[in-house]
Amino acid sequence: MAQYPLHLFGLCFLCLISLRLMHGAPAIDFMRRFGYLEKGPTQAEALYSGEAIIDAIKHVQKFGALPQTGVLDRRTIELMSAPRCGVVDVMQHDQSLRHRRYVIGSESWRKRRITYL
């Protein structure tokens, strides 16, 4: 009889972890797709450090005008699952270091086809 509360606690713990993992994988895919995490040669989430993922979540929250907690909360998940265009939010590091004082001619987007996701 004393084992049942322990089993119940274990089941609740496993349910909470599985829910967190279900939200974690799509969130990492979102952050990789829209430039918040670097795209590597593999798609393994284990290659990202915890600090890199927290920083990426904070950047998503900043871009979405949410409080920057670094926690994947309900509002952040809603922001990530909202319909949006397919253009990346964050410039890559080599492009963000280039600054121009003026531009002769017109600037154009590199991506010509815009899709609504």
C-alpha atoms as a PDB file:
ATOM      1  CA  MET A   1       0.000   0.000   0.000  1.00  0.00           C
ATOM      2  CA  ALA A   2       2.897   2.381   0.727  1.00  0.00           C
ATOM      3  CA  GLN A   3       4.276   1.874  -2.784  1.00  0.00           C
ATOM      4  CA  TYR A   4       1.228   3.330  -4.547  1.00  0.00           C
ATOM      5  CA  PRO A   5       1.958   6.997  -3.687  1.00  0.00           C
ATOM      6  CA  LEU A   6       5.522   6.490  -4.888  1.00  0.00           C
ATOM      7  CA  HIS A   7       4.311   4.951  -8.160  1.00  0.00           C
ATOM      8  CA  LEU A   8       1.778   7.738  -8.577  1.00  0.00           C
ATOM      9  CA  PHE A   9       4.494  10.335  -8.054  1.00  0.00           C
ATOM     10  CA  GLY A  10       6.704   8.568 -10.607  1.00  0.00           C
ATOM     11  CA  LEU A  11       3.912   8.488 -13.192  1.00  0.00           C
ATOM     12  CA  CYS A  12       3.171  12.194 -12.695  1.00  0.00           C
ATOM     13  CA  PHE A  13       6.866  13.000 -13.039  1.00  0.00           C
ATOM     14  CA  LEU A  14       7.124  11.010 -16.287  1.00  0.00           C
ATOM     15  CA  CYS A  15       4.031  12.723 -17.684  1.00  0.00           C
ATOM     16  CA  LEU A  16       5.462  16.162 -16.941  1.00  0.00           C
ATOM     17  CA  ILE A  17       8.790  15.296 -18.552  1.00  0.00           C
ATOM     18  CA  SER A  18       7.125  13.867 -21.661  1.00  0.00           C
ATOM     19  CA  LEU A  19       4.959  16.986 -22.040  1.00  0.00           C
ATOM     20  CA  ARG A  20       8.049  19.179 -21.770  1.00  0.00           C
ATOM     21  CA  LEU A  21       9.864  17.092 -24.392  1.00  0.00           C
ATOM     22  CA  MET A  22       6.879  17.237 -26.739  1.00  0.00           C
ATOM     23  CA  HIS A  23       7.036  21.035 -26.661  1.00  0.00           C
ATOM     24  CA  GLY A  24      10.845  21.095 -26.729  1.00  0.00           C
ATOM     25  CA  ALA A  25      11.486  19.400 -30.083  1.00  0.00           C
ATOM     26  CA  PRO A  26       9.150  21.641 -32.156  1.00  0.00           C
ATOM     27  CA  ALA A  27      10.550  24.682 -30.333  1.00  0.00           C
ATOM     28  CA  ILE A  28      14.106  23.734 -31.272  1.00  0.00           C
ATOM     29  CA  ASP A  29      13.005  23.146 -34.870  1.00  0.00           C
ATOM     30  CA  PHE A  30      11.382  26.606 -34.870  1.00  0.00           C
ATOM     31  CA  MET A  31      14.489  28.291 -33.444  1.00  0.00           C
ATOM     32  CA  ARG A  32      16.725  26.493 -35.939  1.00  0.00           C
ATOM     33  CA  ARG A  33      14.440  27.307 -38.886  1.00  0.00           C
ATOM     34  CA  PHE A  34      14.148  31.031 -38.143  1.00  0.00           C
ATOM     35  CA  GLY A  35      17.784  31.688 -37.221  1.00  0.00           C
ATOM     36  CA  TYR A  36      17.740  31.672 -33.417  1.00  0.00           C
ATOM     37  CA  LEU A  37      19.934  28.531 -33.283  1.00  0.00           C
ATOM     38  CA  GLU A  38      22.717  27.742 -35.715  1.00  0.00           C
ATOM     39  CA  LYS A  39      21.985  25.044 -38.255  1.00  0.00           C
ATOM     40  CA  GLY A  40      24.567  22.312 -37.920  1.00  0.00           C
ATOM     41  CA  PRO A  41      25.313  19.289 -40.065  1.00  0.00           C
ATOM     42  CA  THR A  42      23.077  17.162 -37.832  1.00  0.00           C
ATOM     43  CA  GLN A  43      19.604  17.731 -36.479  1.00  0.00           C
ATOM     44  CA  ALA A  44      20.336  16.428 -32.962  1.00  0.00           C
ATOM     45  CA  GLU A  45      18.993  18.594 -30.143  1.00  0.00           C
ATOM     46  CA  ALA A  46      21.583  17.145 -27.771  1.00  0.00           C
ATOM     47  CA  LEU A  47      24.355  19.087 -29.517  1.00  0.00           C
ATOM     48  CA  TYR A  48      23.010  22.426 -28.242  1.00  0.00           C
ATOM     49  CA  SER A  49      24.078  23.499 -24.777  1.00  0.00           C
ATOM     50  CA  GLY A  50      21.426  24.423 -22.254  1.00  0.00           C
ATOM     51  CA  GLU A  51      22.743  27.976 -22.213  1.00  0.00           C
ATOM     52  CA  ALA A  52      22.441  28.271 -26.017  1.00  0.00           C
ATOM     53  CA  ILE A  53      18.834  27.079 -25.915  1.00  0.00           C
ATOM     54  CA  ILE A  54      17.947  29.472 -23.073  1.00  0.00           C
ATOM     55  CA  ASP A  55      19.559  32.377 -24.969  1.00  0.00           C
ATOM     56  CA  ALA A  56      17.655  31.415 -28.122  1.00  0.00           C
ATOM     57  CA  ILE A  57      14.358  31.303 -26.201  1.00  0.00           C
ATOM     58  CA  LYS A  58      15.140  34.756 -24.767  1.00  0.00           C
ATOM     59  CA  HIS A  59      15.756  36.081 -28.297  1.00  0.00           C
ATOM     60  CA  VAL A  60      12.439  34.625 -29.484  1.00  0.00           C
ATOM     61  CA  GLN A  61      10.696  36.256 -26.524  1.00  0.00           C
ATOM     62  CA  LYS A  62      12.400  39.592 -27.211  1.00  0.00           C
ATOM     63  CA  PHE A  63      11.446  39.466 -30.900  1.00  0.00           C
ATOM     64  CA  GLY A  64       7.844  38.644 -29.920  1.00  0.00           C
ATOM     65  CA  ALA A  65       7.660  41.416 -27.272  1.00  0.00           C
ATOM     66  CA  LEU A  66       7.305  38.909 -24.410  1.00  0.00           C
ATOM     67  CA  PRO A  67       9.072  39.015 -21.032  1.00  0.00           C
ATOM     68  CA  GLN A  68      12.558  37.519 -21.526  1.00  0.00           C
ATOM     69  CA  THR A  69      12.586  34.661 -19.041  1.00  0.00           C
ATOM     70  CA  GLY A  70      14.358  31.997 -21.094  1.00  0.00           C
ATOM     71  CA  VAL A  71      11.610  29.546 -20.117  1.00  0.00           C
ATOM     72  CA  LEU A  72       9.461  27.818 -22.715  1.00  0.00           C
ATOM     73  CA  ASP A  73       6.137  28.917 -21.239  1.00  0.00           C
ATOM     74  CA  ARG A  74       2.623  28.907 -22.696  1.00  0.00           C
ATOM     75  CA  ARG A  75       2.871  32.388 -24.274  1.00  0.00           C
ATOM     76  CA  THR A  76       6.184  31.539 -25.955  1.00  0.00           C
ATOM     77  CA  ILE A  77       4.771  28.297 -27.357  1.00  0.00           C
ATOM     78  CA  GLU A  78       1.736  30.215 -28.667  1.00  0.00           C
ATOM     79  CA  LEU A  79       4.079  32.736 -30.312  1.00  0.00           C
ATOM     80  CA  MET A  80       6.080  29.961 -31.962  1.00  0.00           C
ATOM     81  CA  SER A  81       2.981  28.170 -33.236  1.00  0.00           C
ATOM     82  CA  ALA A  82       1.294  31.288 -34.660  1.00  0.00           C
ATOM     83  CA  PRO A  83       1.044  31.573 -38.480  1.00  0.00           C
ATOM     84  CA  ARG A  84       3.885  33.621 -39.963  1.00  0.00           C
ATOM     85  CA  CYS A  85       5.972  34.168 -43.075  1.00  0.00           C
ATOM     86  CA  GLY A  86       8.932  31.901 -43.794  1.00  0.00           C
ATOM     87  CA  VAL A  87      11.674  34.562 -43.721  1.00  0.00           C
ATOM     88  CA  VAL A  88      14.245  34.145 -40.938  1.00  0.00           C
ATOM     89  CA  ASP A  89      14.052  36.593 -38.027  1.00  0.00           C
ATOM     90  CA  VAL A  90      17.709  36.664 -37.053  1.00  0.00           C
ATOM     91  CA  MET A  91      20.494  37.604 -39.448  1.00  0.00           C
ATOM     92  CA  GLN A  92      23.410  35.210 -39.639  1.00  0.00           C
ATOM     93  CA  HIS A  93      26.613  36.309 -37.882  1.00  0.00           C
ATOM     94  CA  ASP A  94      28.575  37.094 -41.038  1.00  0.00           C
ATOM     95  CA  GLN A  95      25.776  39.298 -42.405  1.00  0.00           C
ATOM     96  CA  SER A  96      25.061  41.151 -39.169  1.00  0.00           C
ATOM     97  CA  LEU A  97      28.615  42.527 -38.919  1.00  0.00           C
ATOM     98  CA  ARG A  98      28.338  44.414 -42.206  1.00  0.00           C
ATOM     99  CA  HIS A  99      27.251  48.026 -41.778  1.00  0.00           C
ATOM    100  CA  ARG A 100      26.687  50.503 -44.588  1.00  0.00           C
ATOM    101  CA  ARG A 101      26.475  54.237 -44.217  1.00  0.00           C
ATOM    102  CA  TYR A 102      24.510  54.667 -47.431  1.00  0.00           C
ATOM    103  CA  VAL A 103      23.315  52.585 -50.343  1.00  0.00           C
ATOM    104  CA  ILE A 104      23.498  53.606 -53.979  1.00  0.00           C
ATOM    105  CA  GLY A 105      20.576  52.052 -55.803  1.00  0.00           C
ATOM    106  CA  SER A 106      17.889  49.975 -54.252  1.00  0.00           C
ATOM    107  CA  GLU A 107      18.200  47.166 -51.756  1.00  0.00           C
ATOM    108  CA  SER A 108      16.273  44.016 -52.488  1.00  0.00           C
ATOM    109  CA  TRP A 109      15.451  40.890 -50.547  1.00  0.00           C
ATOM    110  CA  ARG A 110      17.612  37.876 -51.277  1.00  0.00           C
ATOM    111  CA  LYS A 111      14.607  35.623 -50.987  1.00  0.00           C
ATOM    112  CA  ARG A 112      12.122  36.253 -53.794  1.00  0.00           C
ATOM    113  CA  ARG A 113       9.425  33.715 -52.886  1.00  0.00           C
ATOM    114  CA  ILE A 114       7.734  34.357 -49.577  1.00  0.00           C
ATOM    115  CA  THR A 115       5.544  31.658 -48.122  1.00  0.00           C
ATOM    116  CA  TYR A 116       3.101  32.005 -45.276  1.00  0.00           C
ATOM    117  CA  LEU A 117       3.544  29.228 -42.725  1.00  0.00           C
END
